[in-house]
Amino acid sequence: MATINDNDVPLATPQPQTPQKSNGKLFVFLGLGCLLPILACGGCIGLVFFGVTTTIKSSEPYTASLEAIQNDEGMKATLGTPIEGGMPMGNINLNNNDGEADITYTATGPNGAVQVHVVGTKTAGVWEYSEMTATARGETISLLPEDNEPPAPAEE
């Protein structure tokens, strides 16, 4: 035994310290600390995207054009039934009873799909469309009622 003084008092031999084991809590906290803000931001972006898409899908230009496709005999023959509208892209600007819309989406049926393009202006609460078309296999068809009516007989 080792002694530290002349009175022969024994000293305790220091025990070597065993390294502490990491239980991974630090990594869990760091991982969650980084992951949670990323998930929160992603969730916010997802909510905004869902809200905008839902708003456009419930707009009159979208519903009017989808209804026009669903009621058009040529579209029924081309796409089959049921015909459903897809995710819209574009914009709709509304200011009280006025506004404008320029949207594009894909309408699909069991036999195929068409690209739908709608451009319209809302004045005093009434939508008027300058363009409402469906394009399939390079052929564009107007869905506007006035473009699909037979020409009026010529007056003599």
Protein backbone atom coordinates (compact mmCIF):
# COMPACT_ATOMS: atom_id res chain seq x y z
CA MET A 1 0.00 0.00 0.00
CA ALA A 2 1.06 3.49 -0.59
CA THR A 3 1.40 5.90 2.29
CA ILE A 4 1.16 9.64 2.32
CA ASN A 5 2.62 10.47 5.69
CA ASP A 6 4.94 9.16 8.30
CA ASN A 7 2.09 7.70 10.39
CA ASP A 8 1.58 4.90 7.92
CA VAL A 9 -2.00 5.86 7.02
CA PRO A 10 -3.00 3.87 3.97
CA LEU A 11 -4.21 5.72 0.92
CA ALA A 12 -7.05 4.48 -1.21
CA THR A 13 -5.90 3.58 -4.63
CA PRO A 14 -7.89 5.61 -7.17
CA GLN A 15 -10.16 3.46 -9.31
CA PRO A 16 -9.97 4.10 -13.05
CA GLN A 17 -13.14 5.82 -14.27
CA THR A 18 -15.21 3.85 -16.69
CA PRO A 19 -16.39 5.95 -19.66
CA GLN A 20 -20.08 6.84 -19.49
CA LYS A 21 -22.21 5.24 -22.11
CA SER A 22 -24.27 7.53 -24.30
CA ASN A 23 -27.86 6.45 -24.14
CA GLY A 24 -28.79 8.29 -27.36
CA LYS A 25 -31.04 10.84 -25.68
CA LEU A 26 -28.90 13.67 -26.98
CA PHE A 27 -29.32 12.47 -30.55
CA VAL A 28 -33.05 11.99 -30.10
CA PHE A 29 -33.47 15.54 -28.78
CA LEU A 30 -31.31 16.99 -31.55
CA GLY A 31 -33.17 14.97 -34.17
CA LEU A 32 -36.57 16.03 -32.89
CA GLY A 33 -35.38 19.60 -32.53
CA CYS A 34 -34.56 19.68 -36.24
CA LEU A 35 -37.38 17.48 -37.48
CA LEU A 36 -40.32 19.17 -35.75
CA PRO A 37 -39.80 22.62 -37.34
CA ILE A 38 -39.41 21.01 -40.76
CA LEU A 39 -42.65 19.06 -40.29
CA ALA A 40 -44.44 22.16 -39.02
CA CYS A 41 -43.37 24.18 -42.08
CA GLY A 42 -44.31 21.33 -44.40
CA GLY A 43 -47.70 21.04 -42.74
CA CYS A 44 -48.34 24.77 -43.14
CA ILE A 45 -47.38 24.65 -46.82
CA GLY A 46 -49.64 21.60 -47.29
CA LEU A 47 -52.58 23.36 -45.66
CA VAL A 48 -52.15 26.43 -47.87
CA PHE A 49 -51.91 24.25 -51.00
CA PHE A 50 -55.00 22.26 -49.99
CA GLY A 51 -56.93 25.45 -49.24
CA VAL A 52 -56.08 27.10 -52.55
CA THR A 53 -56.86 23.96 -54.54
CA THR A 54 -60.20 23.52 -52.76
CA THR A 55 -61.09 27.17 -53.36
CA ILE A 56 -60.37 26.95 -57.09
CA LYS A 57 -62.25 23.64 -57.42
CA SER A 58 -65.33 25.20 -55.83
CA SER A 59 -65.17 28.30 -58.06
CA GLU A 60 -67.78 28.90 -60.73
CA PRO A 61 -65.30 28.81 -63.67
CA TYR A 62 -64.11 25.34 -62.60
CA THR A 63 -67.56 23.92 -61.87
CA ALA A 64 -69.13 25.46 -65.00
CA SER A 65 -66.44 24.03 -67.27
CA LEU A 66 -66.55 20.60 -65.62
CA GLU A 67 -70.34 20.58 -65.96
CA ALA A 68 -70.01 21.55 -69.65
CA ILE A 69 -67.65 18.60 -70.22
CA GLN A 70 -69.88 16.19 -68.32
CA ASN A 71 -72.91 17.25 -70.39
CA ASP A 72 -71.16 17.29 -73.79
CA GLU A 73 -72.02 14.17 -75.82
CA GLY A 74 -68.70 14.30 -77.70
CA MET A 75 -66.75 14.40 -74.42
CA LYS A 76 -68.81 11.52 -73.04
CA ALA A 77 -67.97 9.47 -76.14
CA THR A 78 -64.28 10.38 -75.98
CA LEU A 79 -63.69 10.05 -72.24
CA GLY A 80 -66.44 7.69 -71.15
CA THR A 81 -68.33 8.24 -67.92
CA PRO A 82 -67.96 9.25 -65.18
CA ILE A 83 -65.87 12.33 -66.03
CA GLU A 84 -63.97 13.86 -63.12
CA GLY A 85 -61.96 17.05 -62.81
CA GLY A 86 -58.34 17.05 -61.69
CA MET A 87 -56.15 19.47 -59.80
CA PRO A 88 -56.45 23.00 -61.19
CA MET A 89 -53.55 25.32 -61.95
CA GLY A 90 -53.78 29.03 -62.66
CA ASN A 91 -55.37 31.89 -60.81
CA ILE A 92 -58.66 33.41 -59.84
CA ASN A 93 -58.78 37.02 -58.64
CA LEU A 94 -61.97 38.25 -57.00
CA ASN A 95 -62.81 41.73 -55.74
CA ASN A 96 -66.37 41.90 -54.38
CA ASN A 97 -68.62 41.16 -57.40
CA ASP A 98 -65.86 41.49 -60.00
CA GLY A 99 -63.00 39.22 -60.92
CA GLU A 100 -61.06 37.26 -63.48
CA ALA A 101 -60.06 33.65 -63.90
CA ASP A 102 -57.49 31.79 -65.97
CA ILE A 103 -57.30 28.13 -64.98
CA THR A 104 -56.20 24.86 -66.53
CA TYR A 105 -56.90 21.34 -65.32
CA THR A 106 -57.19 17.78 -66.58
CA ALA A 107 -60.58 16.10 -66.85
CA THR A 108 -60.43 12.32 -66.91
CA GLY A 109 -62.74 9.47 -67.72
CA PRO A 110 -62.30 5.72 -68.08
CA ASN A 111 -61.21 6.08 -71.73
CA GLY A 112 -58.80 9.02 -71.51
CA ALA A 113 -58.14 12.59 -70.45
CA VAL A 114 -58.43 16.13 -71.82
CA GLN A 115 -56.79 19.42 -70.86
CA VAL A 116 -59.37 22.04 -69.96
CA HIS A 117 -58.60 25.76 -70.18
CA VAL A 118 -60.98 28.42 -68.86
CA VAL A 119 -60.60 32.20 -69.13
CA GLY A 120 -63.37 34.39 -67.79
CA THR A 121 -64.31 37.76 -66.34
CA LYS A 122 -66.81 38.40 -63.58
CA THR A 123 -68.68 41.72 -63.75
CA ALA A 124 -71.42 42.67 -61.30
CA GLY A 125 -71.54 39.08 -60.06
CA VAL A 126 -71.94 37.45 -63.49
CA TRP A 127 -69.21 35.32 -65.10
CA GLU A 128 -68.61 35.64 -68.85
CA TYR A 129 -66.14 33.29 -70.48
CA SER A 130 -63.91 34.29 -73.35
CA GLU A 131 -62.44 30.79 -73.55
CA MET A 132 -63.60 27.39 -72.33
CA THR A 133 -61.85 24.65 -74.28
CA ALA A 134 -60.94 20.99 -74.00
CA THR A 135 -57.88 19.66 -75.83
CA ALA A 136 -57.39 15.96 -76.54
CA ARG A 137 -54.95 14.35 -78.98
CA GLY A 138 -54.11 17.74 -80.49
CA GLU A 139 -57.75 18.65 -81.19
CA THR A 140 -59.26 21.59 -79.32
CA ILE A 141 -63.03 21.75 -78.78
CA SER A 142 -64.89 24.80 -77.51
CA LEU A 143 -67.19 24.20 -74.57
CA LEU A 144 -68.85 27.62 -74.77
CA PRO A 145 -72.58 27.26 -75.46
CA GLU A 146 -72.62 30.00 -78.12
CA ASP A 147 -69.82 28.27 -80.04
CA ASN A 148 -71.77 25.02 -80.18
CA GLU A 149 -75.11 26.38 -81.36
CA PRO A 150 -76.04 25.95 -85.01
CA PRO A 151 -75.68 29.16 -87.01
CA ALA A 152 -78.80 31.27 -87.27
CA PRO A 153 -80.50 31.20 -90.68
CA ALA A 154 -79.50 34.06 -92.91
CA GLU A 155 -82.13 36.73 -93.43
CA GLU A 156 -83.15 37.45 -96.99
